[in-house]
Amino acid sequence: SKSFEVNVGARLEYQTLRGDYQDRNLG
């Protein structure tokens, strides 16, 4: 109405990580 406003939103996200790292315990 002229006195009331609502903003709504939604996000659905699928996220992937693929890669490698080196274990620092190898020294």
mmCIF file of all heavy atoms, coordinates in Angstrom:
data_MODEL
# 
_entry.id   MODEL 
# 
loop_
_atom_site.group_PDB 
_atom_site.id 
_atom_site.type_symbol 
_atom_site.label_atom_id 
_atom_site.label_alt_id 
_atom_site.label_comp_id 
_atom_site.label_asym_id 
_atom_site.label_entity_id 
_atom_site.label_seq_id 
_atom_site.pdbx_PDB_ins_code 
_atom_site.Cartn_x 
_atom_site.Cartn_y 
_atom_site.Cartn_z 
_atom_site.occupancy 
_atom_site.B_iso_or_equiv 
_atom_site.pdbx_formal_charge 
_atom_site.auth_seq_id 
_atom_site.auth_comp_id 
_atom_site.auth_asym_id 
_atom_site.auth_atom_id 
_atom_site.pdbx_PDB_model_num 
ATOM 1   N N   . SER A 1 1  ? 0.867  -1.183  0.000  1.00 0.00 ? 1  SER A N   1 
ATOM 2   C CA  . SER A 1 1  ? 0.000  0.000   0.000  1.00 0.00 ? 1  SER A CA  1 
ATOM 3   C C   . SER A 1 1  ? 0.897  1.223   0.000  1.00 0.00 ? 1  SER A C   1 
ATOM 4   O O   . SER A 1 1  ? 2.124  1.108   0.016  1.00 0.00 ? 1  SER A O   1 
ATOM 5   C CB  . SER A 1 1  ? -0.902 0.003   1.238  1.00 0.00 ? 1  SER A CB  1 
ATOM 6   O OG  . SER A 1 1  ? -0.143 0.218   2.415  1.00 0.00 ? 1  SER A OG  1 
ATOM 7   N N   . LYS A 1 2  ? 0.283  2.378   0.054  1.00 0.00 ? 2  LYS A N   1 
ATOM 8   C CA  . LYS A 1 2  ? 1.105  3.578   0.012  1.00 0.00 ? 2  LYS A CA  1 
ATOM 9   C C   . LYS A 1 2  ? 1.882  3.770   1.322  1.00 0.00 ? 2  LYS A C   1 
ATOM 10  O O   . LYS A 1 2  ? 2.770  4.605   1.393  1.00 0.00 ? 2  LYS A O   1 
ATOM 11  C CB  . LYS A 1 2  ? 0.265  4.808   -0.297 1.00 0.00 ? 2  LYS A CB  1 
ATOM 12  C CG  . LYS A 1 2  ? -0.485 5.409   0.846  1.00 0.00 ? 2  LYS A CG  1 
ATOM 13  C CD  . LYS A 1 2  ? -1.124 6.717   0.381  1.00 0.00 ? 2  LYS A CD  1 
ATOM 14  C CE  . LYS A 1 2  ? -1.649 7.509   1.570  1.00 0.00 ? 2  LYS A CE  1 
ATOM 15  N NZ  . LYS A 1 2  ? -2.177 8.816   1.135  1.00 0.00 ? 2  LYS A NZ  1 
ATOM 16  N N   . SER A 1 3  ? 1.579  2.978   2.331  1.00 0.00 ? 3  SER A N   1 
ATOM 17  C CA  . SER A 1 3  ? 2.268  3.095   3.616  1.00 0.00 ? 3  SER A CA  1 
ATOM 18  C C   . SER A 1 3  ? 3.184  1.915   3.927  1.00 0.00 ? 3  SER A C   1 
ATOM 19  O O   . SER A 1 3  ? 3.943  1.977   4.890  1.00 0.00 ? 3  SER A O   1 
ATOM 20  C CB  . SER A 1 3  ? 1.247  3.226   4.753  1.00 0.00 ? 3  SER A CB  1 
ATOM 21  O OG  . SER A 1 3  ? 0.451  4.372   4.595  1.00 0.00 ? 3  SER A OG  1 
ATOM 22  N N   . PHE A 1 4  ? 3.123  0.851   3.142  1.00 0.00 ? 4  PHE A N   1 
ATOM 23  C CA  . PHE A 1 4  ? 3.831  -0.371  3.538  1.00 0.00 ? 4  PHE A CA  1 
ATOM 24  C C   . PHE A 1 4  ? 4.516  -1.003  2.335  1.00 0.00 ? 4  PHE A C   1 
ATOM 25  O O   . PHE A 1 4  ? 3.891  -1.191  1.285  1.00 0.00 ? 4  PHE A O   1 
ATOM 26  C CB  . PHE A 1 4  ? 2.845  -1.353  4.158  1.00 0.00 ? 4  PHE A CB  1 
ATOM 27  C CG  . PHE A 1 4  ? 3.474  -2.599  4.706  1.00 0.00 ? 4  PHE A CG  1 
ATOM 28  C CD1 . PHE A 1 4  ? 4.605  -2.540  5.505  1.00 0.00 ? 4  PHE A CD1 1 
ATOM 29  C CD2 . PHE A 1 4  ? 2.937  -3.855  4.426  1.00 0.00 ? 4  PHE A CD2 1 
ATOM 30  C CE1 . PHE A 1 4  ? 5.179  -3.689  6.019  1.00 0.00 ? 4  PHE A CE1 1 
ATOM 31  C CE2 . PHE A 1 4  ? 3.500  -5.020  4.935  1.00 0.00 ? 4  PHE A CE2 1 
ATOM 32  C CZ  . PHE A 1 4  ? 4.627  -4.930  5.735  1.00 0.00 ? 4  PHE A CZ  1 
ATOM 33  N N   . GLU A 1 5  ? 5.803  -1.308  2.510  1.00 0.00 ? 5  GLU A N   1 
ATOM 34  C CA  . GLU A 1 5  ? 6.568  -1.964  1.450  1.00 0.00 ? 5  GLU A CA  1 
ATOM 35  C C   . GLU A 1 5  ? 7.445  -3.051  2.053  1.00 0.00 ? 5  GLU A C   1 
ATOM 36  O O   . GLU A 1 5  ? 8.006  -2.888  3.139  1.00 0.00 ? 5  GLU A O   1 
ATOM 37  C CB  . GLU A 1 5  ? 7.446  -0.964  0.703  1.00 0.00 ? 5  GLU A CB  1 
ATOM 38  C CG  . GLU A 1 5  ? 8.266  -1.602  -0.420 1.00 0.00 ? 5  GLU A CG  1 
ATOM 39  C CD  . GLU A 1 5  ? 9.183  -0.610  -1.098 1.00 0.00 ? 5  GLU A CD  1 
ATOM 40  O OE1 . GLU A 1 5  ? 8.678  0.219   -1.873 1.00 0.00 ? 5  GLU A OE1 1 
ATOM 41  O OE2 . GLU A 1 5  ? 10.386 -0.652  -0.834 1.00 0.00 ? 5  GLU A OE2 1 
ATOM 42  N N   . VAL A 1 6  ? 7.568  -4.162  1.320  1.00 0.00 ? 6  VAL A N   1 
ATOM 43  C CA  . VAL A 1 6  ? 8.379  -5.291  1.755  1.00 0.00 ? 6  VAL A CA  1 
ATOM 44  C C   . VAL A 1 6  ? 9.323  -5.684  0.622  1.00 0.00 ? 6  VAL A C   1 
ATOM 45  O O   . VAL A 1 6  ? 8.908  -5.775  -0.535 1.00 0.00 ? 6  VAL A O   1 
ATOM 46  C CB  . VAL A 1 6  ? 7.503  -6.505  2.139  1.00 0.00 ? 6  VAL A CB  1 
ATOM 47  C CG1 . VAL A 1 6  ? 8.387  -7.670  2.583  1.00 0.00 ? 6  VAL A CG1 1 
ATOM 48  C CG2 . VAL A 1 6  ? 6.526  -6.137  3.243  1.00 0.00 ? 6  VAL A CG2 1 
ATOM 49  N N   . ASN A 1 7  ? 10.574 -5.901  0.964  1.00 0.00 ? 7  ASN A N   1 
ATOM 50  C CA  . ASN A 1 7  ? 11.556 -6.431  0.022  1.00 0.00 ? 7  ASN A CA  1 
ATOM 51  C C   . ASN A 1 7  ? 11.952 -7.829  0.475  1.00 0.00 ? 7  ASN A C   1 
ATOM 52  O O   . ASN A 1 7  ? 12.328 -8.028  1.643  1.00 0.00 ? 7  ASN A O   1 
ATOM 53  C CB  . ASN A 1 7  ? 12.807 -5.554  -0.010 1.00 0.00 ? 7  ASN A CB  1 
ATOM 54  C CG  . ASN A 1 7  ? 12.588 -4.259  -0.765 1.00 0.00 ? 7  ASN A CG  1 
ATOM 55  O OD1 . ASN A 1 7  ? 13.103 -4.073  -1.856 1.00 0.00 ? 7  ASN A OD1 1 
ATOM 56  N ND2 . ASN A 1 7  ? 11.831 -3.335  -0.178 1.00 0.00 ? 7  ASN A ND2 1 
ATOM 57  N N   . VAL A 1 8  ? 11.871 -8.786  -0.420 1.00 0.00 ? 8  VAL A N   1 
ATOM 58  C CA  . VAL A 1 8  ? 12.234 -10.156 -0.083 1.00 0.00 ? 8  VAL A CA  1 
ATOM 59  C C   . VAL A 1 8  ? 13.193 -10.690 -1.145 1.00 0.00 ? 8  VAL A C   1 
ATOM 60  O O   . VAL A 1 8  ? 13.184 -10.251 -2.296 1.00 0.00 ? 8  VAL A O   1 
ATOM 61  C CB  . VAL A 1 8  ? 11.001 -11.078 0.015  1.00 0.00 ? 8  VAL A CB  1 
ATOM 62  C CG1 . VAL A 1 8  ? 10.106 -10.645 1.162  1.00 0.00 ? 8  VAL A CG1 1 
ATOM 63  C CG2 . VAL A 1 8  ? 10.229 -11.107 -1.298 1.00 0.00 ? 8  VAL A CG2 1 
ATOM 64  N N   . GLY A 1 9  ? 14.039 -11.643 -0.734 1.00 0.00 ? 9  GLY A N   1 
ATOM 65  C CA  . GLY A 1 9  ? 14.976 -12.230 -1.677 1.00 0.00 ? 9  GLY A CA  1 
ATOM 66  C C   . GLY A 1 9  ? 15.476 -13.576 -1.193 1.00 0.00 ? 9  GLY A C   1 
ATOM 67  O O   . GLY A 1 9  ? 15.463 -13.876 0.006  1.00 0.00 ? 9  GLY A O   1 
ATOM 68  N N   . ALA A 1 10 ? 15.909 -14.397 -2.132 1.00 0.00 ? 10 ALA A N   1 
ATOM 69  C CA  . ALA A 1 10 ? 16.456 -15.713 -1.795 1.00 0.00 ? 10 ALA A CA  1 
ATOM 70  C C   . ALA A 1 10 ? 17.534 -16.074 -2.809 1.00 0.00 ? 10 ALA A C   1 
ATOM 71  O O   . ALA A 1 10 ? 17.465 -15.687 -3.983 1.00 0.00 ? 10 ALA A O   1 
ATOM 72  C CB  . ALA A 1 10 ? 15.356 -16.774 -1.800 1.00 0.00 ? 10 ALA A CB  1 
ATOM 73  N N   . ARG A 1 11 ? 18.538 -16.809 -2.338 1.00 0.00 ? 11 ARG A N   1 
ATOM 74  C CA  . ARG A 1 11 ? 19.618 -17.282 -3.200 1.00 0.00 ? 11 ARG A CA  1 
ATOM 75  C C   . ARG A 1 11 ? 19.941 -18.718 -2.823 1.00 0.00 ? 11 ARG A C   1 
ATOM 76  O O   . ARG A 1 11 ? 20.150 -19.038 -1.639 1.00 0.00 ? 11 ARG A O   1 
ATOM 77  C CB  . ARG A 1 11 ? 20.868 -16.414 -3.031 1.00 0.00 ? 11 ARG A CB  1 
ATOM 78  C CG  . ARG A 1 11 ? 22.052 -16.860 -3.903 1.00 0.00 ? 11 ARG A CG  1 
ATOM 79  C CD  . ARG A 1 11 ? 23.282 -16.012 -3.605 1.00 0.00 ? 11 ARG A CD  1 
ATOM 80  N NE  . ARG A 1 11 ? 24.415 -16.390 -4.433 1.00 0.00 ? 11 ARG A NE  1 
ATOM 81  C CZ  . ARG A 1 11 ? 24.685 -15.899 -5.645 1.00 0.00 ? 11 ARG A CZ  1 
ATOM 82  N NH1 . ARG A 1 11 ? 23.876 -14.988 -6.170 1.00 0.00 ? 11 ARG A NH1 1 
ATOM 83  N NH2 . ARG A 1 11 ? 25.734 -16.294 -6.333 1.00 0.00 ? 11 ARG A NH2 1 
ATOM 84  N N   . LEU A 1 12 ? 19.980 -19.590 -3.819 1.00 0.00 ? 12 LEU A N   1 
ATOM 85  C CA  . LEU A 1 12 ? 20.355 -20.985 -3.643 1.00 0.00 ? 12 LEU A CA  1 
ATOM 86  C C   . LEU A 1 12 ? 21.591 -21.230 -4.498 1.00 0.00 ? 12 LEU A C   1 
ATOM 87  O O   . LEU A 1 12 ? 21.549 -21.061 -5.719 1.00 0.00 ? 12 LEU A O   1 
ATOM 88  C CB  . LEU A 1 12 ? 19.213 -21.918 -4.059 1.00 0.00 ? 12 LEU A CB  1 
ATOM 89  C CG  . LEU A 1 12 ? 17.872 -21.685 -3.346 1.00 0.00 ? 12 LEU A CG  1 
ATOM 90  C CD1 . LEU A 1 12 ? 16.812 -22.619 -3.914 1.00 0.00 ? 12 LEU A CD1 1 
ATOM 91  C CD2 . LEU A 1 12 ? 18.007 -21.869 -1.840 1.00 0.00 ? 12 LEU A CD2 1 
ATOM 92  N N   . GLU A 1 13 ? 22.684 -21.619 -3.864 1.00 0.00 ? 13 GLU A N   1 
ATOM 93  C CA  . GLU A 1 13 ? 23.986 -21.659 -4.534 1.00 0.00 ? 13 GLU A CA  1 
ATOM 94  C C   . GLU A 1 13 ? 24.676 -23.004 -4.313 1.00 0.00 ? 13 GLU A C   1 
ATOM 95  O O   . GLU A 1 13 ? 24.783 -23.473 -3.179 1.00 0.00 ? 13 GLU A O   1 
ATOM 96  C CB  . GLU A 1 13 ? 24.856 -20.529 -3.992 1.00 0.00 ? 13 GLU A CB  1 
ATOM 97  C CG  . GLU A 1 13 ? 26.270 -20.473 -4.543 1.00 0.00 ? 13 GLU A CG  1 
ATOM 98  C CD  . GLU A 1 13 ? 27.081 -19.369 -3.889 1.00 0.00 ? 13 GLU A CD  1 
ATOM 99  O OE1 . GLU A 1 13 ? 27.055 -18.236 -4.403 1.00 0.00 ? 13 GLU A OE1 1 
ATOM 100 O OE2 . GLU A 1 13 ? 27.717 -19.641 -2.843 1.00 0.00 ? 13 GLU A OE2 1 
ATOM 101 N N   . TYR A 1 14 ? 25.151 -23.585 -5.401 1.00 0.00 ? 14 TYR A N   1 
ATOM 102 C CA  . TYR A 1 14 ? 25.950 -24.806 -5.336 1.00 0.00 ? 14 TYR A CA  1 
ATOM 103 C C   . TYR A 1 14 ? 27.393 -24.432 -5.634 1.00 0.00 ? 14 TYR A C   1 
ATOM 104 O O   . TYR A 1 14 ? 27.707 -23.879 -6.689 1.00 0.00 ? 14 TYR A O   1 
ATOM 105 C CB  . TYR A 1 14 ? 25.446 -25.841 -6.331 1.00 0.00 ? 14 TYR A CB  1 
ATOM 106 C CG  . TYR A 1 14 ? 26.260 -27.113 -6.369 1.00 0.00 ? 14 TYR A CG  1 
ATOM 107 C CD1 . TYR A 1 14 ? 26.406 -27.911 -5.235 1.00 0.00 ? 14 TYR A CD1 1 
ATOM 108 C CD2 . TYR A 1 14 ? 26.903 -27.515 -7.539 1.00 0.00 ? 14 TYR A CD2 1 
ATOM 109 C CE1 . TYR A 1 14 ? 27.153 -29.076 -5.265 1.00 0.00 ? 14 TYR A CE1 1 
ATOM 110 C CE2 . TYR A 1 14 ? 27.648 -28.684 -7.585 1.00 0.00 ? 14 TYR A CE2 1 
ATOM 111 C CZ  . TYR A 1 14 ? 27.775 -29.459 -6.435 1.00 0.00 ? 14 TYR A CZ  1 
ATOM 112 O OH  . TYR A 1 14 ? 28.518 -30.611 -6.460 1.00 0.00 ? 14 TYR A OH  1 
ATOM 113 N N   . GLN A 1 15 ? 28.290 -24.728 -4.693 1.00 0.00 ? 15 GLN A N   1 
ATOM 114 C CA  . GLN A 1 15 ? 29.687 -24.315 -4.796 1.00 0.00 ? 15 GLN A CA  1 
ATOM 115 C C   . GLN A 1 15 ? 30.601 -25.531 -4.735 1.00 0.00 ? 15 GLN A C   1 
ATOM 116 O O   . GLN A 1 15 ? 30.397 -26.441 -3.925 1.00 0.00 ? 15 GLN A O   1 
ATOM 117 C CB  . GLN A 1 15 ? 30.035 -23.352 -3.656 1.00 0.00 ? 15 GLN A CB  1 
ATOM 118 C CG  . GLN A 1 15 ? 31.485 -22.884 -3.657 1.00 0.00 ? 15 GLN A CG  1 
ATOM 119 C CD  . GLN A 1 15 ? 31.817 -22.015 -2.458 1.00 0.00 ? 15 GLN A CD  1 
ATOM 120 O OE1 . GLN A 1 15 ? 30.960 -21.714 -1.641 1.00 0.00 ? 15 GLN A OE1 1 
ATOM 121 N NE2 . GLN A 1 15 ? 33.070 -21.617 -2.341 1.00 0.00 ? 15 GLN A NE2 1 
ATOM 122 N N   . THR A 1 16 ? 31.626 -25.536 -5.586 1.00 0.00 ? 16 THR A N   1 
ATOM 123 C CA  . THR A 1 16 ? 32.594 -26.641 -5.597 1.00 0.00 ? 16 THR A CA  1 
ATOM 124 C C   . THR A 1 16 ? 34.017 -26.099 -5.564 1.00 0.00 ? 16 THR A C   1 
ATOM 125 O O   . THR A 1 16 ? 34.308 -25.031 -6.132 1.00 0.00 ? 16 THR A O   1 
ATOM 126 C CB  . THR A 1 16 ? 32.436 -27.524 -6.842 1.00 0.00 ? 16 THR A CB  1 
ATOM 127 O OG1 . THR A 1 16 ? 32.733 -26.752 -8.014 1.00 0.00 ? 16 THR A OG1 1 
ATOM 128 C CG2 . THR A 1 16 ? 31.021 -28.068 -6.957 1.00 0.00 ? 16 THR A CG2 1 
ATOM 129 N N   . LEU A 1 17 ? 34.899 -26.857 -4.893 1.00 0.00 ? 17 LEU A N   1 
ATOM 130 C CA  . LEU A 1 17 ? 36.340 -26.619 -4.931 1.00 0.00 ? 17 LEU A CA  1 
ATOM 131 C C   . LEU A 1 17 ? 37.007 -27.898 -5.412 1.00 0.00 ? 17 LEU A C   1 
ATOM 132 O O   . LEU A 1 17 ? 36.730 -28.981 -4.889 1.00 0.00 ? 17 LEU A O   1 
ATOM 133 C CB  . LEU A 1 17 ? 36.895 -26.271 -3.547 1.00 0.00 ? 17 LEU A CB  1 
ATOM 134 C CG  . LEU A 1 17 ? 36.361 -25.066 -2.785 1.00 0.00 ? 17 LEU A CG  1 
ATOM 135 C CD1 . LEU A 1 17 ? 37.187 -24.853 -1.515 1.00 0.00 ? 17 LEU A CD1 1 
ATOM 136 C CD2 . LEU A 1 17 ? 36.372 -23.813 -3.622 1.00 0.00 ? 17 LEU A CD2 1 
ATOM 137 N N   . ARG A 1 18 ? 37.896 -27.774 -6.389 1.00 0.00 ? 18 ARG A N   1 
ATOM 138 C CA  . ARG A 1 18 ? 38.669 -28.897 -6.889 1.00 0.00 ? 18 ARG A CA  1 
ATOM 139 C C   . ARG A 1 18 ? 40.113 -28.429 -7.059 1.00 0.00 ? 18 ARG A C   1 
ATOM 140 O O   . ARG A 1 18 ? 40.374 -27.443 -7.749 1.00 0.00 ? 18 ARG A O   1 
ATOM 141 C CB  . ARG A 1 18 ? 38.135 -29.392 -8.247 1.00 0.00 ? 18 ARG A CB  1 
ATOM 142 C CG  . ARG A 1 18 ? 36.696 -29.857 -8.226 1.00 0.00 ? 18 ARG A CG  1 
ATOM 143 C CD  . ARG A 1 18 ? 36.538 -31.169 -7.475 1.00 0.00 ? 18 ARG A CD  1 
ATOM 144 N NE  . ARG A 1 18 ? 35.175 -31.680 -7.575 1.00 0.00 ? 18 ARG A NE  1 
ATOM 145 C CZ  . ARG A 1 18 ? 34.195 -31.411 -6.716 1.00 0.00 ? 18 ARG A CZ  1 
ATOM 146 N NH1 . ARG A 1 18 ? 34.449 -30.619 -5.675 1.00 0.00 ? 18 ARG A NH1 1 
ATOM 147 N NH2 . ARG A 1 18 ? 32.990 -31.907 -6.876 1.00 0.00 ? 18 ARG A NH2 1 
ATOM 148 N N   . GLY A 1 19 ? 41.039 -29.112 -6.413 1.00 0.00 ? 19 GLY A N   1 
ATOM 149 C CA  . GLY A 1 19 ? 42.427 -28.706 -6.540 1.00 0.00 ? 19 GLY A CA  1 
ATOM 150 C C   . GLY A 1 19 ? 43.328 -29.502 -5.636 1.00 0.00 ? 19 GLY A C   1 
ATOM 151 O O   . GLY A 1 19 ? 43.035 -30.653 -5.282 1.00 0.00 ? 19 GLY A O   1 
ATOM 152 N N   . ASP A 1 20 ? 44.448 -28.886 -5.243 1.00 0.00 ? 20 ASP A N   1 
ATOM 153 C CA  . ASP A 1 20 ? 45.392 -29.577 -4.368 1.00 0.00 ? 20 ASP A CA  1 
ATOM 154 C C   . ASP A 1 20 ? 46.216 -28.571 -3.577 1.00 0.00 ? 20 ASP A C   1 
ATOM 155 O O   . ASP A 1 20 ? 46.289 -27.388 -3.923 1.00 0.00 ? 20 ASP A O   1 
ATOM 156 C CB  . ASP A 1 20 ? 46.306 -30.501 -5.177 1.00 0.00 ? 20 ASP A CB  1 
ATOM 157 C CG  . ASP A 1 20 ? 47.076 -29.784 -6.266 1.00 0.00 ? 20 ASP A CG  1 
ATOM 158 O OD1 . ASP A 1 20 ? 48.024 -29.047 -5.927 1.00 0.00 ? 20 ASP A OD1 1 
ATOM 159 O OD2 . ASP A 1 20 ? 46.735 -29.959 -7.461 1.00 0.00 ? 20 ASP A OD2 1 
ATOM 160 N N   . TYR A 1 21 ? 46.825 -29.064 -2.499 1.00 0.00 ? 21 TYR A N   1 
ATOM 161 C CA  . TYR A 1 21 ? 47.748 -28.276 -1.684 1.00 0.00 ? 21 TYR A CA  1 
ATOM 162 C C   . TYR A 1 21 ? 48.848 -29.201 -1.189 1.00 0.00 ? 21 TYR A C   1 
ATOM 163 O O   . TYR A 1 21 ? 48.750 -30.426 -1.320 1.00 0.00 ? 21 TYR A O   1 
ATOM 164 C CB  . TYR A 1 21 ? 47.021 -27.612 -0.508 1.00 0.00 ? 21 TYR A CB  1 
ATOM 165 C CG  . TYR A 1 21 ? 46.535 -28.566 0.566  1.00 0.00 ? 21 TYR A CG  1 
ATOM 166 C CD1 . TYR A 1 21 ? 47.280 -28.775 1.723  1.00 0.00 ? 21 TYR A CD1 1 
ATOM 167 C CD2 . TYR A 1 21 ? 45.318 -29.244 0.430  1.00 0.00 ? 21 TYR A CD2 1 
ATOM 168 C CE1 . TYR A 1 21 ? 46.836 -29.648 2.714  1.00 0.00 ? 21 TYR A CE1 1 
ATOM 169 C CE2 . TYR A 1 21 ? 44.867 -30.111 1.413  1.00 0.00 ? 21 TYR A CE2 1 
ATOM 170 C CZ  . TYR A 1 21 ? 45.632 -30.308 2.554  1.00 0.00 ? 21 TYR A CZ  1 
ATOM 171 O OH  . TYR A 1 21 ? 45.197 -31.177 3.529  1.00 0.00 ? 21 TYR A OH  1 
ATOM 172 N N   . GLN A 1 22 ? 49.898 -28.626 -0.627 1.00 0.00 ? 22 GLN A N   1 
ATOM 173 C CA  . GLN A 1 22 ? 51.009 -29.437 -0.114 1.00 0.00 ? 22 GLN A CA  1 
ATOM 174 C C   . GLN A 1 22 ? 51.016 -29.380 1.409  1.00 0.00 ? 22 GLN A C   1 
ATOM 175 O O   . GLN A 1 22 ? 51.036 -28.299 1.998  1.00 0.00 ? 22 GLN A O   1 
ATOM 176 C CB  . GLN A 1 22 ? 52.346 -28.942 -0.669 1.00 0.00 ? 22 GLN A CB  1 
ATOM 177 C CG  . GLN A 1 22 ? 53.540 -29.756 -0.163 1.00 0.00 ? 22 GLN A CG  1 
ATOM 178 C CD  . GLN A 1 22 ? 54.822 -29.427 -0.901 1.00 0.00 ? 22 GLN A CD  1 
ATOM 179 O OE1 . GLN A 1 22 ? 55.009 -29.807 -2.053 1.00 0.00 ? 22 GLN A OE1 1 
ATOM 180 N NE2 . GLN A 1 22 ? 55.721 -28.709 -0.242 1.00 0.00 ? 22 GLN A NE2 1 
ATOM 181 N N   . ASP A 1 23 ? 51.010 -30.531 2.025  1.00 0.00 ? 23 ASP A N   1 
ATOM 182 C CA  . ASP A 1 23 ? 50.985 -30.635 3.485  1.00 0.00 ? 23 ASP A CA  1 
ATOM 183 C C   . ASP A 1 23 ? 52.281 -30.072 4.067  1.00 0.00 ? 23 ASP A C   1 
ATOM 184 O O   . ASP A 1 23 ? 53.376 -30.519 3.737  1.00 0.00 ? 23 ASP A O   1 
ATOM 185 C CB  . ASP A 1 23 ? 50.830 -32.107 3.880  1.00 0.00 ? 23 ASP A CB  1 
ATOM 186 C CG  . ASP A 1 23 ? 50.531 -32.289 5.357  1.00 0.00 ? 23 ASP A CG  1 
ATOM 187 O OD1 . ASP A 1 23 ? 50.894 -31.391 6.155  1.00 0.00 ? 23 ASP A OD1 1 
ATOM 188 O OD2 . ASP A 1 23 ? 49.949 -33.325 5.718  1.00 0.00 ? 23 ASP A OD2 1 
ATOM 189 N N   . ARG A 1 24 ? 52.143 -29.063 4.943  1.00 0.00 ? 24 ARG A N   1 
ATOM 190 C CA  . ARG A 1 24 ? 53.345 -28.455 5.503  1.00 0.00 ? 24 ARG A CA  1 
ATOM 191 C C   . ARG A 1 24 ? 54.066 -29.384 6.473  1.00 0.00 ? 24 ARG A C   1 
ATOM 192 O O   . ARG A 1 24 ? 55.239 -29.161 6.798  1.00 0.00 ? 24 ARG A O   1 
ATOM 193 C CB  . ARG A 1 24 ? 53.002 -27.132 6.188  1.00 0.00 ? 24 ARG A CB  1 
ATOM 194 C CG  . ARG A 1 24 ? 52.327 -27.245 7.536  1.00 0.00 ? 24 ARG A CG  1 
ATOM 195 C CD  . ARG A 1 24 ? 52.169 -25.876 8.149  1.00 0.00 ? 24 ARG A CD  1 
ATOM 196 N NE  . ARG A 1 24 ? 51.572 -25.941 9.482  1.00 0.00 ? 24 ARG A NE  1 
ATOM 197 C CZ  . ARG A 1 24 ? 51.276 -24.872 10.202 1.00 0.00 ? 24 ARG A CZ  1 
ATOM 198 N NH1 . ARG A 1 24 ? 51.482 -23.664 9.711  1.00 0.00 ? 24 ARG A NH1 1 
ATOM 199 N NH2 . ARG A 1 24 ? 50.744 -25.002 11.407 1.00 0.00 ? 24 ARG A NH2 1 
ATOM 200 N N   . ASN A 1 25 ? 53.394 -30.424 6.947  1.00 0.00 ? 25 ASN A N   1 
ATOM 201 C CA  . ASN A 1 25 ? 54.045 -31.377 7.848  1.00 0.00 ? 25 ASN A CA  1 
ATOM 202 C C   . ASN A 1 25 ? 55.139 -32.183 7.156  1.00 0.00 ? 25 ASN A C   1 
ATOM 203 O O   . ASN A 1 25 ? 55.934 -32.856 7.814  1.00 0.00 ? 25 ASN A O   1 
ATOM 204 C CB  . ASN A 1 25 ? 53.007 -32.322 8.460  1.00 0.00 ? 25 ASN A CB  1 
ATOM 205 C CG  . ASN A 1 25 ? 52.079 -31.607 9.425  1.00 0.00 ? 25 ASN A CG  1 
ATOM 206 O OD1 . ASN A 1 25 ? 52.513 -30.722 10.164 1.00 0.00 ? 25 ASN A OD1 1 
ATOM 207 N ND2 . ASN A 1 25 ? 50.807 -31.957 9.412  1.00 0.00 ? 25 ASN A ND2 1 
ATOM 208 N N   . LEU A 1 26 ? 55.189 -32.100 5.819  1.00 0.00 ? 26 LEU A N   1 
ATOM 209 C CA  . LEU A 1 26 ? 56.286 -32.735 5.091  1.00 0.00 ? 26 LEU A CA  1 
ATOM 210 C C   . LEU A 1 26 ? 57.606 -32.018 5.361  1.00 0.00 ? 26 LEU A C   1 
ATOM 211 O O   . LEU A 1 26 ? 58.675 -32.576 5.114  1.00 0.00 ? 26 LEU A O   1 
ATOM 212 C CB  . LEU A 1 26 ? 55.984 -32.733 3.586  1.00 0.00 ? 26 LEU A CB  1 
ATOM 213 C CG  . LEU A 1 26 ? 54.762 -33.543 3.121  1.00 0.00 ? 26 LEU A CG  1 
ATOM 214 C CD1 . LEU A 1 26 ? 54.492 -33.290 1.641  1.00 0.00 ? 26 LEU A CD1 1 
ATOM 215 C CD2 . LEU A 1 26 ? 54.976 -35.030 3.378  1.00 0.00 ? 26 LEU A CD2 1 
ATOM 216 N N   . GLY A 1 27 ? 57.516 -30.768 5.825  1.00 0.00 ? 27 GLY A N   1 
ATOM 217 C CA  . GLY A 1 27 ? 58.723 -30.018 6.174  1.00 0.00 ? 27 GLY A CA  1 
ATOM 218 C C   . GLY A 1 27 ? 59.555 -29.600 4.988  1.00 0.00 ? 27 GLY A C   1 
ATOM 219 O O   . GLY A 1 27 ? 60.770 -29.402 5.126  1.00 0.00 ? 27 GLY A O   1 
# 
